[in-house]
Each structure stands twice: as structure tokens, then as C-alpha cells.
């Protein structure tokens, strides 16, 4: 078992996974930017996320480089909290994010 940091709701869904993504300015602004690459654009991952994987961060510092305080405050009002979670394994470590299996 390993630990990663992730923004998710009480059901374990990330803000990029749910219908919340479609109406959220944060996710739309982050979409495929250099600061917020999808896994296939992350220079150390360079592949798409598998259906059994989740995205997160190797540490809190990496998470705070992705989401600023205003974004985290807004996400919290929608039920998405930055927290450390336990995963079965980390499958890829990128420059900006990690992929893992619960």
C-alpha cells in the first residue's frame, strides 16, 4: 500500500471524472495546459490513463502546484477535498501528477 494526494469527493470521485467537470471553470481552464497536462502529455508518463487508474499527486507540494488556494476553496464548496489517500500501487510518476490503482 502506498500514499498519494488527491482531490476527490466522499465517493472517491475526482473532480475531473464526474459531471462536475462539465460545469466547472477550474477543470475547463486546466484542460491540457502545460501546467496541467493530461497523463499522455506529462513528459514522464506519456500514456493515457487506464480505466482502473486514478490521477493524483506524489505529495502535497505537487498538488498545490496544480491547484491554487482559490481553486481548492471553490472545489471544497462542491464537496471535493484535497486529501492523502491509500492506494494499492502507484503505476506511473510524472512531472506533474501520478497514476495509481486503488
PDB file of N, CA and C in Angstrom:
ATOM      1  N   UNK A   1       0.837  -1.175   0.000  1.00  0.00           N
ATOM      2  CA  UNK A   1       0.000   0.000   0.000  1.00  0.00           C
ATOM      3  C   UNK A   1       0.891   1.250   0.000  1.00  0.00           C
ATOM      4  N   UNK A   2       0.439   2.235  -0.760  1.00  0.00           N
ATOM      5  CA  UNK A   2       1.189   3.473  -0.884  1.00  0.00           C
ATOM      6  C   UNK A   2       0.245   4.654  -0.675  1.00  0.00           C
ATOM      7  N   UNK A   3       0.801   5.831  -0.486  1.00  0.00           N
ATOM      8  CA  UNK A   3       0.006   7.043  -0.257  1.00  0.00           C
ATOM      9  C   UNK A   3       0.205   8.006  -1.421  1.00  0.00           C
ATOM     10  N   UNK A   4      -0.896   8.654  -1.811  1.00  0.00           N
ATOM     11  CA  UNK A   4      -0.838   9.756  -2.768  1.00  0.00           C
ATOM     12  C   UNK A   4      -1.781  10.854  -2.265  1.00  0.00           C
ATOM     13  N   UNK A   5      -1.685  12.024  -2.859  1.00  0.00           N
ATOM     14  CA  UNK A   5      -2.601  13.124  -2.578  1.00  0.00           C
ATOM     15  C   UNK A   5      -3.561  13.242  -3.747  1.00  0.00           C
ATOM     16  N   UNK A   6      -4.817  13.538  -3.441  1.00  0.00           N
ATOM     17  CA  UNK A   6      -5.840  13.575  -4.484  1.00  0.00           C
ATOM     18  C   UNK A   6      -6.969  14.508  -4.062  1.00  0.00           C
ATOM     19  N   UNK A   7      -7.584  15.175  -5.037  1.00  0.00           N
ATOM     20  CA  UNK A   7      -8.795  15.964  -4.796  1.00  0.00           C
ATOM     21  C   UNK A   7      -9.966  15.089  -5.215  1.00  0.00           C
ATOM     22  N   UNK A   8     -10.803  14.733  -4.240  1.00  0.00           N
ATOM     23  CA  UNK A   8     -11.935  13.863  -4.537  1.00  0.00           C
ATOM     24  C   UNK A   8     -13.098  14.143  -3.605  1.00  0.00           C
ATOM     25  N   UNK A   9     -14.271  13.620  -3.986  1.00  0.00           N
ATOM     26  CA  UNK A   9     -15.461  13.778  -3.142  1.00  0.00           C
ATOM     27  C   UNK A   9     -15.586  12.577  -2.208  1.00  0.00           C
ATOM     28  N   UNK A  10     -16.653  12.545  -1.428  1.00  0.00           N
ATOM     29  CA  UNK A  10     -16.822  11.479  -0.443  1.00  0.00           C
ATOM     30  C   UNK A  10     -17.015  10.100  -1.083  1.00  0.00           C
ATOM     31  N   UNK A  11     -17.353  10.067  -2.372  1.00  0.00           N
ATOM     32  CA  UNK A  11     -17.498   8.799  -3.094  1.00  0.00           C
ATOM     33  C   UNK A  11     -16.199   8.349  -3.750  1.00  0.00           C
ATOM     34  N   UNK A  12     -15.133   9.126  -3.566  1.00  0.00           N
ATOM     35  CA  UNK A  12     -13.846   8.792  -4.163  1.00  0.00           C
ATOM     36  C   UNK A  12     -13.702   9.211  -5.615  1.00  0.00           C
ATOM     37  N   UNK A  13     -14.630  10.046  -6.091  1.00  0.00           N
ATOM     38  CA  UNK A  13     -14.576  10.530  -7.473  1.00  0.00           C
ATOM     39  C   UNK A  13     -13.769  11.818  -7.524  1.00  0.00           C
ATOM     40  N   UNK A  14     -12.877  11.918  -8.497  1.00  0.00           N
ATOM     41  CA  UNK A  14     -12.113  13.139  -8.691  1.00  0.00           C
ATOM     42  C   UNK A  14     -12.931  14.174  -9.447  1.00  0.00           C
ATOM     43  N   UNK A  15     -12.539  15.423  -9.331  1.00  0.00           N
ATOM     44  CA  UNK A  15     -13.301  16.497  -9.983  1.00  0.00           C
ATOM     45  C   UNK A  15     -13.212  16.431 -11.502  1.00  0.00           C
ATOM     46  N   UNK A  16     -12.270  15.697 -12.051  1.00  0.00           N
ATOM     47  CA  UNK A  16     -12.163  15.556 -13.499  1.00  0.00           C
ATOM     48  C   UNK A  16     -12.980  14.363 -14.009  1.00  0.00           C
ATOM     49  N   UNK A  17     -13.505  13.538 -13.121  1.00  0.00           N
ATOM     50  CA  UNK A  17     -14.204  12.315 -13.501  1.00  0.00           C
ATOM     51  C   UNK A  17     -15.710  12.446 -13.612  1.00  0.00           C
ATOM     52  N   UNK A  18     -16.294  13.379 -12.954  1.00  0.00           N
ATOM     53  CA  UNK A  18     -17.746  13.431 -12.791  1.00  0.00           C
ATOM     54  C   UNK A  18     -18.388  14.466 -13.704  1.00  0.00           C
ATOM     55  N   UNK A  19     -19.701  14.549 -13.642  1.00  0.00           N
ATOM     56  CA  UNK A  19     -20.422  15.578 -14.389  1.00  0.00           C
ATOM     57  C   UNK A  19     -19.988  16.963 -13.928  1.00  0.00           C
ATOM     58  N   UNK A  20     -19.390  17.038 -12.748  1.00  0.00           N
ATOM     59  CA  UNK A  20     -18.872  18.309 -12.230  1.00  0.00           C
ATOM     60  C   UNK A  20     -17.884  18.928 -13.218  1.00  0.00           C
ATOM     61  N   UNK A  21     -17.111  18.117 -13.895  1.00  0.00           N
ATOM     62  CA  UNK A  21     -16.118  18.608 -14.864  1.00  0.00           C
ATOM     63  C   UNK A  21     -16.770  19.453 -15.955  1.00  0.00           C
ATOM     64  N   UNK A  22     -17.945  19.046 -16.379  1.00  0.00           N
ATOM     65  CA  UNK A  22     -18.600  19.723 -17.490  1.00  0.00           C
ATOM     66  C   UNK A  22     -19.023  21.147 -17.152  1.00  0.00           C
ATOM     67  N   UNK A  23     -19.288  21.408 -15.878  1.00  0.00           N
ATOM     68  CA  UNK A  23     -19.768  22.739 -15.499  1.00  0.00           C
ATOM     69  C   UNK A  23     -18.728  23.543 -14.717  1.00  0.00           C
ATOM     70  N   UNK A  24     -17.547  23.009 -14.569  1.00  0.00           N
ATOM     71  CA  UNK A  24     -16.578  23.631 -13.682  1.00  0.00           C
ATOM     72  C   UNK A  24     -15.509  24.418 -14.415  1.00  0.00           C
ATOM     73  N   UNK A  25     -15.363  25.664 -14.066  1.00  0.00           N
ATOM     74  CA  UNK A  25     -14.367  26.536 -14.694  1.00  0.00           C
ATOM     75  C   UNK A  25     -12.948  26.084 -14.398  1.00  0.00           C
ATOM     76  N   UNK A  26     -12.725  25.469 -13.237  1.00  0.00           N
ATOM     77  CA  UNK A  26     -11.371  25.024 -12.892  1.00  0.00           C
ATOM     78  C   UNK A  26     -10.920  23.925 -13.848  1.00  0.00           C
ATOM     79  N   UNK A  27     -11.743  22.908 -13.996  1.00  0.00           N
ATOM     80  CA  UNK A  27     -11.374  21.786 -14.867  1.00  0.00           C
ATOM     81  C   UNK A  27     -11.255  22.226 -16.315  1.00  0.00           C
ATOM     82  N   UNK A  28     -12.130  23.099 -16.751  1.00  0.00           N
ATOM     83  CA  UNK A  28     -12.058  23.592 -18.122  1.00  0.00           C
ATOM     84  C   UNK A  28     -10.794  24.414 -18.357  1.00  0.00           C
ATOM     85  N   UNK A  29     -10.397  25.200 -17.387  1.00  0.00           N
ATOM     86  CA  UNK A  29      -9.186  26.015 -17.504  1.00  0.00           C
ATOM     87  C   UNK A  29      -7.930  25.145 -17.490  1.00  0.00           C
ATOM     88  N   UNK A  30      -7.975  24.051 -16.763  1.00  0.00           N
ATOM     89  CA  UNK A  30      -6.821  23.163 -16.650  1.00  0.00           C
ATOM     90  C   UNK A  30      -6.642  22.267 -17.866  1.00  0.00           C
ATOM     91  N   UNK A  31      -7.682  22.063 -18.626  1.00  0.00           N
ATOM     92  CA  UNK A  31      -7.684  21.053 -19.678  1.00  0.00           C
ATOM     93  C   UNK A  31      -6.482  21.165 -20.618  1.00  0.00           C
ATOM     94  N   UNK A  32      -5.584  20.197 -20.518  1.00  0.00           N
ATOM     95  CA  UNK A  32      -4.441  20.030 -21.425  1.00  0.00           C
ATOM     96  C   UNK A  32      -3.496  21.223 -21.488  1.00  0.00           C
ATOM     97  N   UNK A  33      -3.401  22.006 -20.453  1.00  0.00           N
ATOM     98  CA  UNK A  33      -2.448  23.111 -20.458  1.00  0.00           C
ATOM     99  C   UNK A  33      -1.071  22.596 -20.047  1.00  0.00           C
ATOM    100  N   UNK A  34      -0.046  23.400 -20.263  1.00  0.00           N
ATOM    101  CA  UNK A  34       1.308  22.986 -19.892  1.00  0.00           C
ATOM    102  C   UNK A  34       1.442  22.773 -18.388  1.00  0.00           C
ATOM    103  N   UNK A  35       0.752  23.596 -17.602  1.00  0.00           N
ATOM    104  CA  UNK A  35       0.798  23.434 -16.150  1.00  0.00           C
ATOM    105  C   UNK A  35      -0.057  22.255 -15.686  1.00  0.00           C
ATOM    106  N   UNK A  36      -1.048  21.889 -16.494  1.00  0.00           N
ATOM    107  CA  UNK A  36      -1.997  20.839 -16.134  1.00  0.00           C
ATOM    108  C   UNK A  36      -2.132  19.822 -17.285  1.00  0.00           C
ATOM    109  N   UNK A  37      -1.063  19.137 -17.632  1.00  0.00           N
ATOM    110  CA  UNK A  37      -1.143  18.210 -18.769  1.00  0.00           C
ATOM    111  C   UNK A  37      -1.968  16.975 -18.434  1.00  0.00           C
ATOM    112  N   UNK A  38      -2.615  16.406 -19.444  1.00  0.00           N
ATOM    113  CA  UNK A  38      -3.209  15.102 -19.191  1.00  0.00           C
ATOM    114  C   UNK A  38      -2.047  14.106 -19.146  1.00  0.00           C
ATOM    115  N   UNK A  39      -2.246  12.902 -18.635  1.00  0.00           N
ATOM    116  CA  UNK A  39      -1.128  11.970 -18.482  1.00  0.00           C
ATOM    117  C   UNK A  39      -0.321  11.721 -19.761  1.00  0.00           C
ATOM    118  N   UNK A  40      -0.984  11.709 -20.905  1.00  0.00           N
ATOM    119  CA  UNK A  40      -0.246  11.449 -22.144  1.00  0.00           C
ATOM    120  C   UNK A  40       0.668  12.615 -22.518  1.00  0.00           C
ATOM    121  N   UNK A  41       0.417  13.788 -21.941  1.00  0.00           N
ATOM    122  CA  UNK A  41       1.250  14.962 -22.204  1.00  0.00           C
ATOM    123  C   UNK A  41       2.302  15.186 -21.125  1.00  0.00           C
ATOM    124  N   UNK A  42       2.208  14.458 -20.034  1.00  0.00           N
ATOM    125  CA  UNK A  42       3.186  14.576 -18.954  1.00  0.00           C
ATOM    126  C   UNK A  42       4.468  13.882 -19.412  1.00  0.00           C
ATOM    127  N   UNK A  43       5.565  14.610 -19.421  1.00  0.00           N
ATOM    128  CA  UNK A  43       6.807  14.116 -20.016  1.00  0.00           C
ATOM    129  C   UNK A  43       7.336  12.817 -19.413  1.00  0.00           C
ATOM    130  N   UNK A  44       6.924  12.496 -18.185  1.00  0.00           N
ATOM    131  CA  UNK A  44       7.406  11.259 -17.570  1.00  0.00           C
ATOM    132  C   UNK A  44       6.373  10.130 -17.599  1.00  0.00           C
ATOM    133  N   UNK A  45       5.160  10.405 -18.078  1.00  0.00           N
ATOM    134  CA  UNK A  45       4.133   9.362 -18.178  1.00  0.00           C
ATOM    135  C   UNK A  45       3.925   8.985 -19.643  1.00  0.00           C
ATOM    136  N   UNK A  46       3.556   9.957 -20.452  1.00  0.00           N
ATOM    137  CA  UNK A  46       3.406   9.787 -21.909  1.00  0.00           C
ATOM    138  C   UNK A  46       2.490   8.628 -22.318  1.00  0.00           C
ATOM    139  N   UNK A  47       1.374   8.477 -21.611  1.00  0.00           N
ATOM    140  CA  UNK A  47       0.359   7.492 -21.995  1.00  0.00           C
ATOM    141  C   UNK A  47      -0.972   7.917 -21.397  1.00  0.00           C
ATOM    142  N   UNK A  48      -2.038   7.363 -21.950  1.00  0.00           N
ATOM    143  CA  UNK A  48      -3.363   7.659 -21.433  1.00  0.00           C
ATOM    144  C   UNK A  48      -3.591   6.901 -20.134  1.00  0.00           C
ATOM    145  N   UNK A  49      -4.463   7.437 -19.311  1.00  0.00           N
ATOM    146  CA  UNK A  49      -4.835   6.770 -18.066  1.00  0.00           C
ATOM    147  C   UNK A  49      -5.692   5.549 -18.389  1.00  0.00           C
ATOM    148  N   UNK A  50      -5.429   4.453 -17.710  1.00  0.00           N
ATOM    149  CA  UNK A  50      -6.225   3.228 -17.869  1.00  0.00           C
ATOM    150  C   UNK A  50      -7.502   3.357 -17.031  1.00  0.00           C
ATOM    151  N   UNK A  51      -8.515   2.605 -17.381  1.00  0.00           N
ATOM    152  CA  UNK A  51      -9.803   2.720 -16.683  1.00  0.00           C
ATOM    153  C   UNK A  51      -9.713   2.336 -15.206  1.00  0.00           C
ATOM    154  N   UNK A  52      -8.756   1.513 -14.833  1.00  0.00           N
ATOM    155  CA  UNK A  52      -8.628   1.112 -13.424  1.00  0.00           C
ATOM    156  C   UNK A  52      -7.766   2.074 -12.610  1.00  0.00           C
ATOM    157  N   UNK A  53      -7.201   3.075 -13.260  1.00  0.00           N
ATOM    158  CA  UNK A  53      -6.302   4.013 -12.584  1.00  0.00           C
ATOM    159  C   UNK A  53      -7.022   5.298 -12.176  1.00  0.00           C
ATOM    160  N   UNK A  54      -6.419   5.968 -11.220  1.00  0.00           N
ATOM    161  CA  UNK A  54      -6.844   7.312 -10.828  1.00  0.00           C
ATOM    162  C   UNK A  54      -5.629   8.235 -10.920  1.00  0.00           C
ATOM    163  N   UNK A  55      -5.890   9.518 -11.068  1.00  0.00           N
ATOM    164  CA  UNK A  55      -4.823  10.522 -11.062  1.00  0.00           C
ATOM    165  C   UNK A  55      -4.724  11.133  -9.675  1.00  0.00           C
ATOM    166  N   UNK A  56      -3.522  11.495  -9.314  1.00  0.00           N
ATOM    167  CA  UNK A  56      -3.285  12.169  -8.046  1.00  0.00           C
ATOM    168  C   UNK A  56      -1.920  12.819  -8.075  1.00  0.00           C
ATOM    169  N   UNK A  57      -1.349  12.983  -6.880  1.00  0.00           N
ATOM    170  CA  UNK A  57      -0.084  13.686  -6.741  1.00  0.00           C
ATOM    171  C   UNK A  57       0.813  12.937  -5.768  1.00  0.00           C
ATOM    172  N   UNK A  58       2.095  12.966  -6.029  1.00  0.00           N
ATOM    173  CA  UNK A  58       3.045  12.218  -5.209  1.00  0.00           C
ATOM    174  C   UNK A  58       3.160  12.800  -3.800  1.00  0.00           C
ATOM    175  N   UNK A  59       2.901  14.108  -3.676  1.00  0.00           N
ATOM    176  CA  UNK A  59       2.955  14.750  -2.360  1.00  0.00           C
ATOM    177  C   UNK A  59       2.063  15.998  -2.378  1.00  0.00           C
ATOM    178  N   UNK A  60       1.909  16.587  -1.219  1.00  0.00           N
ATOM    179  CA  UNK A  60       1.034  17.755  -1.113  1.00  0.00           C
ATOM    180  C   UNK A  60       1.578  18.939  -1.914  1.00  0.00           C
ATOM    181  N   UNK A  61       2.892  19.085  -1.941  1.00  0.00           N
ATOM    182  CA  UNK A  61       3.501  20.184  -2.703  1.00  0.00           C
ATOM    183  C   UNK A  61       3.131  20.092  -4.180  1.00  0.00           C
ATOM    184  N   UNK A  62       3.190  18.882  -4.745  1.00  0.00           N
ATOM    185  CA  UNK A  62       2.831  18.706  -6.151  1.00  0.00           C
ATOM    186  C   UNK A  62       1.354  19.057  -6.369  1.00  0.00           C
ATOM    187  N   UNK A  63       0.503  18.676  -5.431  1.00  0.00           N
ATOM    188  CA  UNK A  63      -0.928  19.005  -5.524  1.00  0.00           C
ATOM    189  C   UNK A  63      -1.153  20.516  -5.493  1.00  0.00           C
ATOM    190  N   UNK A  64      -0.411  21.207  -4.626  1.00  0.00           N
ATOM    191  CA  UNK A  64      -0.572  22.651  -4.511  1.00  0.00           C
ATOM    192  C   UNK A  64       0.051  23.398  -5.689  1.00  0.00           C
ATOM    193  N   UNK A  65       0.913  22.755  -6.438  1.00  0.00           N
ATOM    194  CA  UNK A  65       1.406  23.336  -7.691  1.00  0.00           C
ATOM    195  C   UNK A  65       0.343  23.223  -8.786  1.00  0.00           C
ATOM    196  N   UNK A  66      -0.550  22.269  -8.648  1.00  0.00           N
ATOM    197  CA  UNK A  66      -1.614  22.042  -9.636  1.00  0.00           C
ATOM    198  C   UNK A  66      -2.833  22.919  -9.334  1.00  0.00           C
ATOM    199  N   UNK A  67      -3.282  22.870  -8.086  1.00  0.00           N
ATOM    200  CA  UNK A  67      -4.457  23.635  -7.645  1.00  0.00           C
ATOM    201  C   UNK A  67      -4.014  24.771  -6.726  1.00  0.00           C
ATOM    202  N   UNK A  68      -4.478  25.995  -6.994  1.00  0.00           N
ATOM    203  CA  UNK A  68      -4.166  27.087  -6.076  1.00  0.00           C
ATOM    204  C   UNK A  68      -5.217  27.139  -4.965  1.00  0.00           C
ATOM    205  N   UNK A  69      -4.995  28.010  -3.988  1.00  0.00           N
ATOM    206  CA  UNK A  69      -5.895  28.088  -2.826  1.00  0.00           C
ATOM    207  C   UNK A  69      -7.328  28.461  -3.215  1.00  0.00           C
ATOM    208  N   UNK A  70      -7.497  29.388  -4.149  1.00  0.00           N
ATOM    209  CA  UNK A  70      -8.838  29.770  -4.601  1.00  0.00           C
ATOM    210  C   UNK A  70      -9.549  28.572  -5.213  1.00  0.00           C
ATOM    211  N   UNK A  71      -8.848  27.816  -6.030  1.00  0.00           N
ATOM    212  CA  UNK A  71      -9.443  26.632  -6.658  1.00  0.00           C
ATOM    213  C   UNK A  71      -9.820  25.587  -5.612  1.00  0.00           C
ATOM    214  N   UNK A  72      -8.936  25.354  -4.645  1.00  0.00           N
ATOM    215  CA  UNK A  72      -9.233  24.367  -3.602  1.00  0.00           C
ATOM    216  C   UNK A  72     -10.417  24.801  -2.742  1.00  0.00           C
ATOM    217  N   UNK A  73     -10.516  26.090  -2.474  1.00  0.00           N
ATOM    218  CA  UNK A  73     -11.655  26.600  -1.700  1.00  0.00           C
ATOM    219  C   UNK A  73     -12.955  26.385  -2.475  1.00  0.00           C
ATOM    220  N   UNK A  74     -12.938  26.708  -3.759  1.00  0.00           N
ATOM    221  CA  UNK A  74     -14.123  26.506  -4.591  1.00  0.00           C
ATOM    222  C   UNK A  74     -14.477  25.020  -4.684  1.00  0.00           C
ATOM    223  N   UNK A  75     -13.489  24.188  -4.922  1.00  0.00           N
ATOM    224  CA  UNK A  75     -13.741  22.748  -5.010  1.00  0.00           C
ATOM    225  C   UNK A  75     -14.335  22.205  -3.711  1.00  0.00           C
ATOM    226  N   UNK A  76     -13.861  22.704  -2.577  1.00  0.00           N
ATOM    227  CA  UNK A  76     -14.379  22.257  -1.277  1.00  0.00           C
ATOM    228  C   UNK A  76     -15.863  22.583  -1.130  1.00  0.00           C
ATOM    229  N   UNK A  77     -16.303  23.723  -1.664  1.00  0.00           N
ATOM    230  CA  UNK A  77     -17.725  24.063  -1.586  1.00  0.00           C
ATOM    231  C   UNK A  77     -18.570  23.100  -2.415  1.00  0.00           C
ATOM    232  N   UNK A  78     -17.945  22.437  -3.363  1.00  0.00           N
ATOM    233  CA  UNK A  78     -18.638  21.446  -4.201  1.00  0.00           C
ATOM    234  C   UNK A  78     -18.410  20.012  -3.702  1.00  0.00           C
ATOM    235  N   UNK A  79     -17.725  19.878  -2.560  1.00  0.00           N
ATOM    236  CA  UNK A  79     -17.531  18.561  -1.959  1.00  0.00           C
ATOM    237  C   UNK A  79     -16.255  17.847  -2.361  1.00  0.00           C
ATOM    238  N   UNK A  80     -15.338  18.539  -3.036  1.00  0.00           N
ATOM    239  CA  UNK A  80     -14.072  17.935  -3.445  1.00  0.00           C
ATOM    240  C   UNK A  80     -12.952  18.462  -2.557  1.00  0.00           C
ATOM    241  N   UNK A  81     -12.308  17.552  -1.826  1.00  0.00           N
ATOM    242  CA  UNK A  81     -11.320  17.917  -0.819  1.00  0.00           C
ATOM    243  C   UNK A  81      -9.956  17.335  -1.195  1.00  0.00           C
ATOM    244  N   UNK A  82      -8.898  18.123  -0.981  1.00  0.00           N
ATOM    245  CA  UNK A  82      -7.534  17.615  -1.145  1.00  0.00           C
ATOM    246  C   UNK A  82      -7.200  16.799   0.092  1.00  0.00           C
ATOM    247  N   UNK A  83      -6.838  15.529  -0.139  1.00  0.00           N
ATOM    248  CA  UNK A  83      -6.503  14.666   0.995  1.00  0.00           C
ATOM    249  C   UNK A  83      -5.509  13.595   0.580  1.00  0.00           C
ATOM    250  N   UNK A  84      -4.849  13.047   1.572  1.00  0.00           N
ATOM    251  CA  UNK A  84      -3.942  11.936   1.348  1.00  0.00           C
ATOM    252  C   UNK A  84      -4.756  10.652   1.402  1.00  0.00           C
ATOM    253  N   UNK A  85      -4.581   9.800   0.405  1.00  0.00           N
ATOM    254  CA  UNK A  85      -5.317   8.540   0.371  1.00  0.00           C
ATOM    255  C   UNK A  85      -4.346   7.368   0.204  1.00  0.00           C
ATOM    256  N   UNK A  86      -4.815   6.194   0.558  1.00  0.00           N
ATOM    257  CA  UNK A  86      -4.028   4.971   0.392  1.00  0.00           C
ATOM    258  C   UNK A  86      -4.439   4.297  -0.899  1.00  0.00           C
ATOM    259  N   UNK A  87      -3.449   3.900  -1.687  1.00  0.00           N
ATOM    260  CA  UNK A  87      -3.686   3.179  -2.934  1.00  0.00           C
ATOM    261  C   UNK A  87      -2.934   1.861  -2.895  1.00  0.00           C
ATOM    262  N   UNK A  88      -3.359   0.925  -3.734  1.00  0.00           N
ATOM    263  CA  UNK A  88      -2.679  -0.361  -3.812  1.00  0.00           C
ATOM    264  C   UNK A  88      -1.286  -0.208  -4.393  1.00  0.00           C
ATOM    265  N   UNK A  89      -1.211   0.545  -5.497  1.00  0.00           N
ATOM    266  CA  UNK A  89       0.084   0.752  -6.147  1.00  0.00           C
ATOM    267  C   UNK A  89       0.082   2.031  -6.970  1.00  0.00           C
ATOM    268  N   UNK A  90       1.234   2.636  -7.057  1.00  0.00           N
ATOM    269  CA  UNK A  90       1.443   3.767  -7.959  1.00  0.00           C
ATOM    270  C   UNK A  90       1.954   3.185  -9.268  1.00  0.00           C
ATOM    271  N   UNK A  91       1.255   3.470 -10.354  1.00  0.00           N
ATOM    272  CA  UNK A  91       1.595   2.872 -11.647  1.00  0.00           C
ATOM    273  C   UNK A  91       2.463   3.758 -12.527  1.00  0.00           C
ATOM    274  N   UNK A  92       2.474   5.066 -12.282  1.00  0.00           N
ATOM    275  CA  UNK A  92       3.303   5.984 -13.056  1.00  0.00           C
ATOM    276  C   UNK A  92       3.529   7.257 -12.249  1.00  0.00           C
ATOM    277  N   UNK A  93       4.756   7.752 -12.287  1.00  0.00           N
ATOM    278  CA  UNK A  93       5.085   9.014 -11.610  1.00  0.00           C
ATOM    279  C   UNK A  93       5.532   9.988 -12.689  1.00  0.00           C
ATOM    280  N   UNK A  94       4.743  11.047 -12.851  1.00  0.00           N
ATOM    281  CA  UNK A  94       5.043  12.061 -13.850  1.00  0.00           C
ATOM    282  C   UNK A  94       5.679  13.294 -13.241  1.00  0.00           C
ATOM    283  N   UNK A  95       5.937  14.278 -14.080  1.00  0.00           N
ATOM    284  CA  UNK A  95       6.462  15.549 -13.603  1.00  0.00           C
ATOM    285  C   UNK A  95       5.420  16.322 -12.820  1.00  0.00           C
ATOM    286  N   UNK A  96       4.137  16.182 -13.204  1.00  0.00           N
ATOM    287  CA  UNK A  96       3.071  16.991 -12.609  1.00  0.00           C
ATOM    288  C   UNK A  96       2.045  16.176 -11.820  1.00  0.00           C
ATOM    289  N   UNK A  97       2.057  14.843 -11.960  1.00  0.00           N
ATOM    290  CA  UNK A  97       0.996  14.005 -11.390  1.00  0.00           C
ATOM    291  C   UNK A  97       1.470  12.558 -11.300  1.00  0.00           C
ATOM    292  N   UNK A  98       0.659  11.754 -10.630  1.00  0.00           N
ATOM    293  CA  UNK A  98       0.889  10.312 -10.587  1.00  0.00           C
ATOM    294  C   UNK A  98      -0.378   9.589 -11.021  1.00  0.00           C
ATOM    295  N   UNK A  99      -0.211   8.373 -11.463  1.00  0.00           N
ATOM    296  CA  UNK A  99      -1.322   7.473 -11.723  1.00  0.00           C
ATOM    297  C   UNK A  99      -1.217   6.335 -10.727  1.00  0.00           C
ATOM    298  N   UNK A 100      -2.366   5.869 -10.263  1.00  0.00           N
ATOM    299  CA  UNK A 100      -2.372   4.827  -9.244  1.00  0.00           C
ATOM    300  C   UNK A 100      -3.605   3.948  -9.376  1.00  0.00           C
ATOM    301  N   UNK A 101      -3.550   2.820  -8.713  1.00  0.00           N
ATOM    302  CA  UNK A 101      -4.695   1.914  -8.609  1.00  0.00           C
ATOM    303  C   UNK A 101      -5.090   1.855  -7.138  1.00  0.00           C
ATOM    304  N   UNK A 102      -6.386   2.061  -6.901  1.00  0.00           N
ATOM    305  CA  UNK A 102      -6.887   1.995  -5.512  1.00  0.00           C
ATOM    306  C   UNK A 102      -6.612   0.648  -4.977  1.00  0.00           C
TER     307      UNK A 102
END
